Amino acid sequence: DLEVAPDFFEYFTATYPLLLEDPTLWCISAWNDNGKIGLVNENTPEQLYRTDFFPGLGWMLTKKLWSELCTKWPKSYWDDWIRQPNQRKERACIRPEISRTKTFGKIGVSNGLFFEKHLKYIKLNGLFVPFTKMDLNYLLKDTYDSEFVVKVYQSPVVSYQELKEDKIVYDGPVRIVYHTKDAFKRNAKMLGLMDDFRSGVPRMAYRGIVTFFYKKRIVHLAPSFNWKGYDLSWS
């Protein structure tokens, strides 16, 4: 029940070497859980991110990882199972800014409610991006953590109200800070993001940072700089 983007196979072909090279990666996903129209930058279909959340809906893993998981694979609810710390082991996935898959499977266990409220609004990439001709080494952990994460915490802190009312006087990315589970959920709901957690990890988060596009700018919903890790009680 998946429709795929024109560069679906190109994307996986280009990112496969990263999966082999970086032991802190365990999957490549075609899906962005927060990839709704209005929350993605349609002018940067080439943008990719790391995420601690297992996105699903079109993904790739290595034979080695499958050998690790297959003997204990559950009969049901495998997606929540694979997101548990015992399986994830602090490994991350690669995910796109704009999804390379889109589901049309309205009928299912949620009786179509999740589809109507969320899934049908996910933006499917319509352009071919020549990923195999691009340098994707910025996604390797050491480079990513020293560049992307540093940039996140250099971005100015703003409030949701300032963002909503266009009261920000400078260009470029901004950051909204959260310190508690309730603060994350409150901001996520106001911004139109998925507000739930799986094993303490917000959807699309990397080191607790959820990055998205809002009112023509990149926004990071982020914990404090001295973040200590995911809290399993946040669920």
C-alpha atoms as a PDB file:
ATOM      1  CA  ASP A   1       0.000   0.000   0.000  1.00  0.00           C
ATOM      2  CA  LEU A   2       2.908   2.354  -0.743  1.00  0.00           C
ATOM      3  CA  GLU A   3       3.413   4.764  -3.612  1.00  0.00           C
ATOM      4  CA  VAL A   4       7.088   5.542  -4.212  1.00  0.00           C
ATOM      5  CA  ALA A   5       8.893   8.664  -5.413  1.00  0.00           C
ATOM      6  CA  PRO A   6      10.756   8.876  -8.753  1.00  0.00           C
ATOM      7  CA  ASP A   7      14.091   8.723  -6.907  1.00  0.00           C
ATOM      8  CA  PHE A   8      13.111   5.992  -4.430  1.00  0.00           C
ATOM      9  CA  PHE A   9      15.719   3.493  -5.663  1.00  0.00           C
ATOM     10  CA  GLU A  10      18.293   6.220  -6.297  1.00  0.00           C
ATOM     11  CA  TYR A  11      17.950   7.281  -2.660  1.00  0.00           C
ATOM     12  CA  PHE A  12      18.528   3.796  -1.284  1.00  0.00           C
ATOM     13  CA  THR A  13      21.386   3.087  -3.695  1.00  0.00           C
ATOM     14  CA  ALA A  14      23.206   6.247  -2.611  1.00  0.00           C
ATOM     15  CA  THR A  15      22.715   5.783   1.129  1.00  0.00           C
ATOM     16  CA  TYR A  16      23.575   2.076   1.225  1.00  0.00           C
ATOM     17  CA  PRO A  17      27.352   2.733   1.554  1.00  0.00           C
ATOM     18  CA  LEU A  18      26.665   4.875   4.644  1.00  0.00           C
ATOM     19  CA  LEU A  19      24.886   1.937   6.236  1.00  0.00           C
ATOM     20  CA  LEU A  20      27.956  -0.238   5.660  1.00  0.00           C
ATOM     21  CA  GLU A  21      30.493   2.353   6.792  1.00  0.00           C
ATOM     22  CA  ASP A  22      28.875   3.796   9.918  1.00  0.00           C
ATOM     23  CA  PRO A  23      28.194   1.273  12.729  1.00  0.00           C
ATOM     24  CA  THR A  24      25.996   3.851  14.484  1.00  0.00           C
ATOM     25  CA  LEU A  25      23.473   3.578  11.628  1.00  0.00           C
ATOM     26  CA  TRP A  26      21.058   0.670  11.405  1.00  0.00           C
ATOM     27  CA  CYS A  27      18.504   1.668   8.796  1.00  0.00           C
ATOM     28  CA  ILE A  28      17.734   3.915   5.873  1.00  0.00           C
ATOM     29  CA  SER A  29      14.119   5.072   5.797  1.00  0.00           C
ATOM     30  CA  ALA A  30      12.137   6.677   2.999  1.00  0.00           C
ATOM     31  CA  TRP A  31       9.675   8.206   5.455  1.00  0.00           C
ATOM     32  CA  ASN A  32       9.335  11.419   7.449  1.00  0.00           C
ATOM     33  CA  ASP A  33       6.642  11.135  10.128  1.00  0.00           C
ATOM     34  CA  ASN A  34       6.380  14.931  10.229  1.00  0.00           C
ATOM     35  CA  GLY A  35       6.537  15.270   6.460  1.00  0.00           C
ATOM     36  CA  LYS A  36       3.195  16.961   5.959  1.00  0.00           C
ATOM     37  CA  ILE A  37       2.684  19.719   3.421  1.00  0.00           C
ATOM     38  CA  GLY A  38       3.631  22.948   5.178  1.00  0.00           C
ATOM     39  CA  LEU A  39       6.134  21.252   7.492  1.00  0.00           C
ATOM     40  CA  VAL A  40       8.729  20.378   4.837  1.00  0.00           C
ATOM     41  CA  ASN A  41      10.855  22.579   2.616  1.00  0.00           C
ATOM     42  CA  GLU A  42       9.793  21.607  -0.891  1.00  0.00           C
ATOM     43  CA  ASN A  43      12.777  23.536  -2.281  1.00  0.00           C
ATOM     44  CA  THR A  44      15.297  21.162  -0.664  1.00  0.00           C
ATOM     45  CA  PRO A  45      14.253  17.627  -1.659  1.00  0.00           C
ATOM     46  CA  GLU A  46      17.916  16.596  -1.404  1.00  0.00           C
ATOM     47  CA  GLN A  47      18.097  17.284   2.349  1.00  0.00           C
ATOM     48  CA  LEU A  48      18.605  14.223   4.563  1.00  0.00           C
ATOM     49  CA  TYR A  49      18.837  13.867   8.338  1.00  0.00           C
ATOM     50  CA  ARG A  50      19.803  11.369  11.013  1.00  0.00           C
ATOM     51  CA  THR A  51      17.093  10.259  13.432  1.00  0.00           C
ATOM     52  CA  ASP A  52      17.033   8.065  16.528  1.00  0.00           C
ATOM     53  CA  PHE A  53      13.436   7.151  15.728  1.00  0.00           C
ATOM     54  CA  PHE A  54      12.760   4.141  13.499  1.00  0.00           C
ATOM     55  CA  PRO A  55      10.416   5.631  10.857  1.00  0.00           C
ATOM     56  CA  GLY A  56       9.337   2.564   8.866  1.00  0.00           C
ATOM     57  CA  LEU A  57       7.121   2.827   5.743  1.00  0.00           C
ATOM     58  CA  GLY A  58       9.847   1.918   3.266  1.00  0.00           C
ATOM     59  CA  TRP A  59      13.193   1.077   4.830  1.00  0.00           C
ATOM     60  CA  MET A  60      16.456  -0.775   4.285  1.00  0.00           C
ATOM     61  CA  LEU A  61      18.657  -2.736   6.655  1.00  0.00           C
ATOM     62  CA  THR A  62      21.692  -4.952   6.166  1.00  0.00           C
ATOM     63  CA  LYS A  63      21.754  -8.740   6.142  1.00  0.00           C
ATOM     64  CA  LYS A  64      23.954  -8.561   9.237  1.00  0.00           C
ATOM     65  CA  LEU A  65      21.307  -6.619  11.151  1.00  0.00           C
ATOM     66  CA  TRP A  66      18.565  -8.963   9.988  1.00  0.00           C
ATOM     67  CA  SER A  67      20.608 -11.882  11.335  1.00  0.00           C
ATOM     68  CA  GLU A  68      20.754 -10.063  14.668  1.00  0.00           C
ATOM     69  CA  LEU A  69      17.004  -9.447  14.818  1.00  0.00           C
ATOM     70  CA  CYS A  70      15.324 -12.332  12.995  1.00  0.00           C
ATOM     71  CA  THR A  71      15.613 -14.940  15.743  1.00  0.00           C
ATOM     72  CA  LYS A  72      13.622 -12.769  18.152  1.00  0.00           C
ATOM     73  CA  TRP A  73      11.309 -11.008  15.672  1.00  0.00           C
ATOM     74  CA  PRO A  74       7.823 -10.687  17.252  1.00  0.00           C
ATOM     75  CA  LYS A  75       4.630 -12.009  15.683  1.00  0.00           C
ATOM     76  CA  SER A  76       2.917  -8.623  15.998  1.00  0.00           C
ATOM     77  CA  TYR A  77       3.631  -4.943  16.750  1.00  0.00           C
ATOM     78  CA  TRP A  78       7.146  -5.310  15.376  1.00  0.00           C
ATOM     79  CA  ASP A  79       7.439  -1.566  14.744  1.00  0.00           C
ATOM     80  CA  ASP A  80       7.147  -0.675  18.432  1.00  0.00           C
ATOM     81  CA  TRP A  81       9.365  -3.626  19.334  1.00  0.00           C
ATOM     82  CA  ILE A  82      12.160  -2.536  17.009  1.00  0.00           C
ATOM     83  CA  ARG A  83      12.133   0.922  18.611  1.00  0.00           C
ATOM     84  CA  GLN A  84      12.906  -0.461  22.052  1.00  0.00           C
ATOM     85  CA  PRO A  85      16.412   0.146  23.469  1.00  0.00           C
ATOM     86  CA  ASN A  86      17.278  -3.567  23.436  1.00  0.00           C
ATOM     87  CA  GLN A  87      16.931  -3.553  19.660  1.00  0.00           C
ATOM     88  CA  ARG A  88      17.972  -0.010  18.756  1.00  0.00           C
ATOM     89  CA  LYS A  89      21.128   0.009  20.889  1.00  0.00           C
ATOM     90  CA  GLU A  90      21.506   3.776  20.380  1.00  0.00           C
ATOM     91  CA  ARG A  91      21.750   3.370  16.609  1.00  0.00           C
ATOM     92  CA  ALA A  92      20.192   5.865  14.210  1.00  0.00           C
ATOM     93  CA  CYS A  93      18.465   5.893  10.824  1.00  0.00           C
ATOM     94  CA  ILE A  94      18.715   8.218   7.851  1.00  0.00           C
ATOM     95  CA  ARG A  95      15.470   9.927   6.842  1.00  0.00           C
ATOM     96  CA  PRO A  96      14.585  12.438   4.114  1.00  0.00           C
ATOM     97  CA  GLU A  97      13.202  15.942   4.413  1.00  0.00           C
ATOM     98  CA  ILE A  98      10.477  14.944   1.947  1.00  0.00           C
ATOM     99  CA  SER A  99       9.175  11.377   2.094  1.00  0.00           C
ATOM    100  CA  ARG A 100      10.005   8.996  -0.724  1.00  0.00           C
ATOM    101  CA  THR A 101       6.924   6.900   0.046  1.00  0.00           C
ATOM    102  CA  LYS A 102       3.266   7.646   0.613  1.00  0.00           C
ATOM    103  CA  THR A 103       0.714   5.193   1.940  1.00  0.00           C
ATOM    104  CA  PHE A 104      -2.750   4.844   0.466  1.00  0.00           C
ATOM    105  CA  GLY A 105      -3.707   2.097   2.932  1.00  0.00           C
ATOM    106  CA  LYS A 106      -6.663   3.757   4.600  1.00  0.00           C
ATOM    107  CA  ILE A 107      -8.198   0.521   5.888  1.00  0.00           C
ATOM    108  CA  GLY A 108      -6.373  -0.995   8.850  1.00  0.00           C
ATOM    109  CA  VAL A 109      -6.279  -1.479  12.587  1.00  0.00           C
ATOM    110  CA  SER A 110      -6.969   2.215  13.259  1.00  0.00           C
ATOM    111  CA  ASN A 111     -10.141   2.100  11.133  1.00  0.00           C
ATOM    112  CA  GLY A 112      -8.748   4.806   8.886  1.00  0.00           C
ATOM    113  CA  LEU A 113      -8.672   7.490  11.593  1.00  0.00           C
ATOM    114  CA  PHE A 114      -4.881   7.865  11.572  1.00  0.00           C
ATOM    115  CA  PHE A 115      -4.920   8.009   7.785  1.00  0.00           C
ATOM    116  CA  GLU A 116      -7.555  10.748   7.704  1.00  0.00           C
ATOM    117  CA  LYS A 117      -5.924  12.820  10.439  1.00  0.00           C
ATOM    118  CA  HIS A 118      -2.310  12.460   9.393  1.00  0.00           C
ATOM    119  CA  LEU A 119      -1.088  10.047   6.730  1.00  0.00           C
ATOM    120  CA  LYS A 120      -2.991  11.476   3.795  1.00  0.00           C
ATOM    121  CA  TYR A 121      -1.291  14.860   4.313  1.00  0.00           C
ATOM    122  CA  ILE A 122       2.263  13.510   3.963  1.00  0.00           C
ATOM    123  CA  LYS A 123       4.064  15.096   1.018  1.00  0.00           C
ATOM    124  CA  LEU A 124       5.501  12.629  -1.518  1.00  0.00           C
ATOM    125  CA  ASN A 125       8.596  13.866  -3.326  1.00  0.00           C
ATOM    126  CA  GLY A 126       7.910  14.382  -7.015  1.00  0.00           C
ATOM    127  CA  LEU A 127      11.382  15.302  -8.271  1.00  0.00           C
ATOM    128  CA  PHE A 128      14.322  13.067  -9.118  1.00  0.00           C
ATOM    129  CA  VAL A 129      17.339  13.899  -6.951  1.00  0.00           C
ATOM    130  CA  PRO A 130      20.642  12.394  -8.223  1.00  0.00           C
ATOM    131  CA  PHE A 131      21.757  11.223  -4.792  1.00  0.00           C
ATOM    132  CA  THR A 132      24.409   8.865  -6.200  1.00  0.00           C
ATOM    133  CA  LYS A 133      26.268  11.900  -7.569  1.00  0.00           C
ATOM    134  CA  MET A 134      26.194  13.732  -4.237  1.00  0.00           C
ATOM    135  CA  ASP A 135      28.539  13.652  -1.249  1.00  0.00           C
ATOM    136  CA  LEU A 136      26.476  12.272   1.636  1.00  0.00           C
ATOM    137  CA  ASN A 137      29.322  11.929   4.122  1.00  0.00           C
ATOM    138  CA  TYR A 138      27.824  14.757   6.174  1.00  0.00           C
ATOM    139  CA  LEU A 139      25.446  12.090   7.511  1.00  0.00           C
ATOM    140  CA  LEU A 140      28.223  10.060   9.147  1.00  0.00           C
ATOM    141  CA  LYS A 141      27.979  10.432  12.906  1.00  0.00           C
ATOM    142  CA  ASP A 142      31.238  12.244  13.668  1.00  0.00           C
ATOM    143  CA  THR A 143      30.659  14.815  10.938  1.00  0.00           C
ATOM    144  CA  TYR A 144      26.955  15.189  11.639  1.00  0.00           C
ATOM    145  CA  ASP A 145      27.403  15.698  15.374  1.00  0.00           C
ATOM    146  CA  SER A 146      30.162  18.247  14.902  1.00  0.00           C
ATOM    147  CA  GLU A 147      28.251  20.232  12.289  1.00  0.00           C
ATOM    148  CA  PHE A 148      24.479  19.805  12.461  1.00  0.00           C
ATOM    149  CA  VAL A 149      24.115  19.503  16.235  1.00  0.00           C
ATOM    150  CA  VAL A 150      26.445  22.452  16.808  1.00  0.00           C
ATOM    151  CA  LYS A 151      24.416  24.577  14.380  1.00  0.00           C
ATOM    152  CA  VAL A 152      21.205  23.671  16.196  1.00  0.00           C
ATOM    153  CA  TYR A 153      22.482  25.062  19.478  1.00  0.00           C
ATOM    154  CA  GLN A 154      23.899  28.152  17.810  1.00  0.00           C
ATOM    155  CA  SER A 155      20.457  29.046  16.449  1.00  0.00           C
ATOM    156  CA  PRO A 156      18.492  31.734  18.334  1.00  0.00           C
ATOM    157  CA  VAL A 157      15.862  30.662  20.858  1.00  0.00           C
ATOM    158  CA  VAL A 158      12.317  31.842  20.135  1.00  0.00           C
ATOM    159  CA  SER A 159       8.848  31.105  21.468  1.00  0.00           C
ATOM    160  CA  TYR A 160       6.025  29.466  19.565  1.00  0.00           C
ATOM    161  CA  GLN A 161       4.072  32.716  19.744  1.00  0.00           C
ATOM    162  CA  GLU A 162       6.910  34.702  18.167  1.00  0.00           C
ATOM    163  CA  LEU A 163       7.173  32.131  15.403  1.00  0.00           C
ATOM    164  CA  LYS A 164       3.436  32.007  14.775  1.00  0.00           C
ATOM    165  CA  GLU A 165       3.058  35.791  14.668  1.00  0.00           C
ATOM    166  CA  ASP A 166       6.156  36.364  12.483  1.00  0.00           C
ATOM    167  CA  LYS A 167       7.819  38.486  15.151  1.00  0.00           C
ATOM    168  CA  ILE A 168      11.304  37.116  14.477  1.00  0.00           C
ATOM    169  CA  VAL A 169      13.486  39.879  13.069  1.00  0.00           C
ATOM    170  CA  TYR A 170      16.334  37.736  11.704  1.00  0.00           C
ATOM    171  CA  ASP A 171      16.588  35.161   8.967  1.00  0.00           C
ATOM    172  CA  GLY A 172      17.732  31.583   9.280  1.00  0.00           C
ATOM    173  CA  PRO A 173      16.975  28.631  11.550  1.00  0.00           C
ATOM    174  CA  VAL A 174      15.552  29.121  15.037  1.00  0.00           C
ATOM    175  CA  ARG A 175      15.124  26.932  18.093  1.00  0.00           C
ATOM    176  CA  ILE A 176      12.235  26.298  20.464  1.00  0.00           C
ATOM    177  CA  VAL A 177      13.401  24.759  23.733  1.00  0.00           C
ATOM    178  CA  TYR A 178      11.578  22.142  25.786  1.00  0.00           C
ATOM    179  CA  HIS A 179      12.578  20.700  29.159  1.00  0.00           C
ATOM    180  CA  THR A 180       9.682  18.390  29.994  1.00  0.00           C
ATOM    181  CA  LYS A 181       7.488  15.832  28.287  1.00  0.00           C
ATOM    182  CA  ASP A 182       4.453  18.095  28.617  1.00  0.00           C
ATOM    183  CA  ALA A 183       6.317  21.052  27.114  1.00  0.00           C
ATOM    184  CA  PHE A 184       7.336  18.945  24.126  1.00  0.00           C
ATOM    185  CA  LYS A 185       3.804  17.673  23.563  1.00  0.00           C
ATOM    186  CA  ARG A 186       2.301  21.140  23.924  1.00  0.00           C
ATOM    187  CA  ASN A 187       4.665  22.696  21.394  1.00  0.00           C
ATOM    188  CA  ALA A 188       4.407  19.758  19.007  1.00  0.00           C
ATOM    189  CA  LYS A 189       0.613  19.980  18.943  1.00  0.00           C
ATOM    190  CA  MET A 190       0.651  23.724  18.321  1.00  0.00           C
ATOM    191  CA  LEU A 191       3.173  23.293  15.508  1.00  0.00           C
ATOM    192  CA  GLY A 192       1.303  20.425  13.859  1.00  0.00           C
ATOM    193  CA  LEU A 193       3.968  17.811  14.628  1.00  0.00           C
ATOM    194  CA  MET A 194       3.428  14.267  15.830  1.00  0.00           C
ATOM    195  CA  ASP A 195       3.512  14.567  19.615  1.00  0.00           C
ATOM    196  CA  ASP A 196       3.890  10.946  20.699  1.00  0.00           C
ATOM    197  CA  PHE A 197       6.931   8.971  21.868  1.00  0.00           C
ATOM    198  CA  ARG A 198       8.131   5.413  21.367  1.00  0.00           C
ATOM    199  CA  SER A 199      10.486   4.159  24.072  1.00  0.00           C
ATOM    200  CA  GLY A 200      10.978   7.799  25.050  1.00  0.00           C
ATOM    201  CA  VAL A 201      11.984   8.948  21.554  1.00  0.00           C
ATOM    202  CA  PRO A 202       9.902  11.647  19.806  1.00  0.00           C
ATOM    203  CA  ARG A 203       9.171  10.941  16.159  1.00  0.00           C
ATOM    204  CA  MET A 204      12.046  12.053  13.908  1.00  0.00           C
ATOM    205  CA  ALA A 205      14.182  13.166  16.862  1.00  0.00           C
ATOM    206  CA  TYR A 206      17.960  13.045  16.869  1.00  0.00           C
ATOM    207  CA  ARG A 207      19.519  13.611  20.295  1.00  0.00           C
ATOM    208  CA  GLY A 208      16.061  14.856  21.263  1.00  0.00           C
ATOM    209  CA  ILE A 209      16.012  17.440  18.435  1.00  0.00           C
ATOM    210  CA  VAL A 210      13.040  17.432  16.066  1.00  0.00           C
ATOM    211  CA  THR A 211      13.780  19.483  12.948  1.00  0.00           C
ATOM    212  CA  PHE A 212      11.056  20.705  10.591  1.00  0.00           C
ATOM    213  CA  PHE A 213      10.051  23.607   8.340  1.00  0.00           C
ATOM    214  CA  TYR A 214       7.592  26.262   9.480  1.00  0.00           C
ATOM    215  CA  LYS A 215       6.706  29.639   7.984  1.00  0.00           C
ATOM    216  CA  LYS A 216       9.561  29.463   5.467  1.00  0.00           C
ATOM    217  CA  ARG A 217      12.316  28.677   7.951  1.00  0.00           C
ATOM    218  CA  ILE A 218      13.996  25.688   9.600  1.00  0.00           C
ATOM    219  CA  VAL A 219      12.884  25.185  13.191  1.00  0.00           C
ATOM    220  CA  HIS A 220      14.448  22.911  15.797  1.00  0.00           C
ATOM    221  CA  LEU A 221      12.288  21.748  18.697  1.00  0.00           C
ATOM    222  CA  ALA A 222      15.153  20.887  21.003  1.00  0.00           C
ATOM    223  CA  PRO A 223      16.028  19.962  24.584  1.00  0.00           C
ATOM    224  CA  SER A 224      18.699  21.842  26.502  1.00  0.00           C
ATOM    225  CA  PHE A 225      22.313  21.596  25.348  1.00  0.00           C
ATOM    226  CA  ASN A 226      23.220  19.336  28.283  1.00  0.00           C
ATOM    227  CA  TRP A 227      20.640  16.720  27.221  1.00  0.00           C
ATOM    228  CA  LYS A 228      21.344  13.433  29.015  1.00  0.00           C
ATOM    229  CA  GLY A 229      19.457  10.976  26.815  1.00  0.00           C
ATOM    230  CA  TYR A 230      15.936   9.680  26.283  1.00  0.00           C
ATOM    231  CA  ASP A 231      13.638   9.060  29.235  1.00  0.00           C
ATOM    232  CA  LEU A 232      11.746   5.772  28.869  1.00  0.00           C
ATOM    233  CA  SER A 233       8.941   7.148  31.045  1.00  0.00           C
ATOM    234  CA  TRP A 234       8.099   9.615  28.262  1.00  0.00           C
ATOM    235  CA  SER A 235       5.546   7.568  26.373  1.00  0.00           C
END
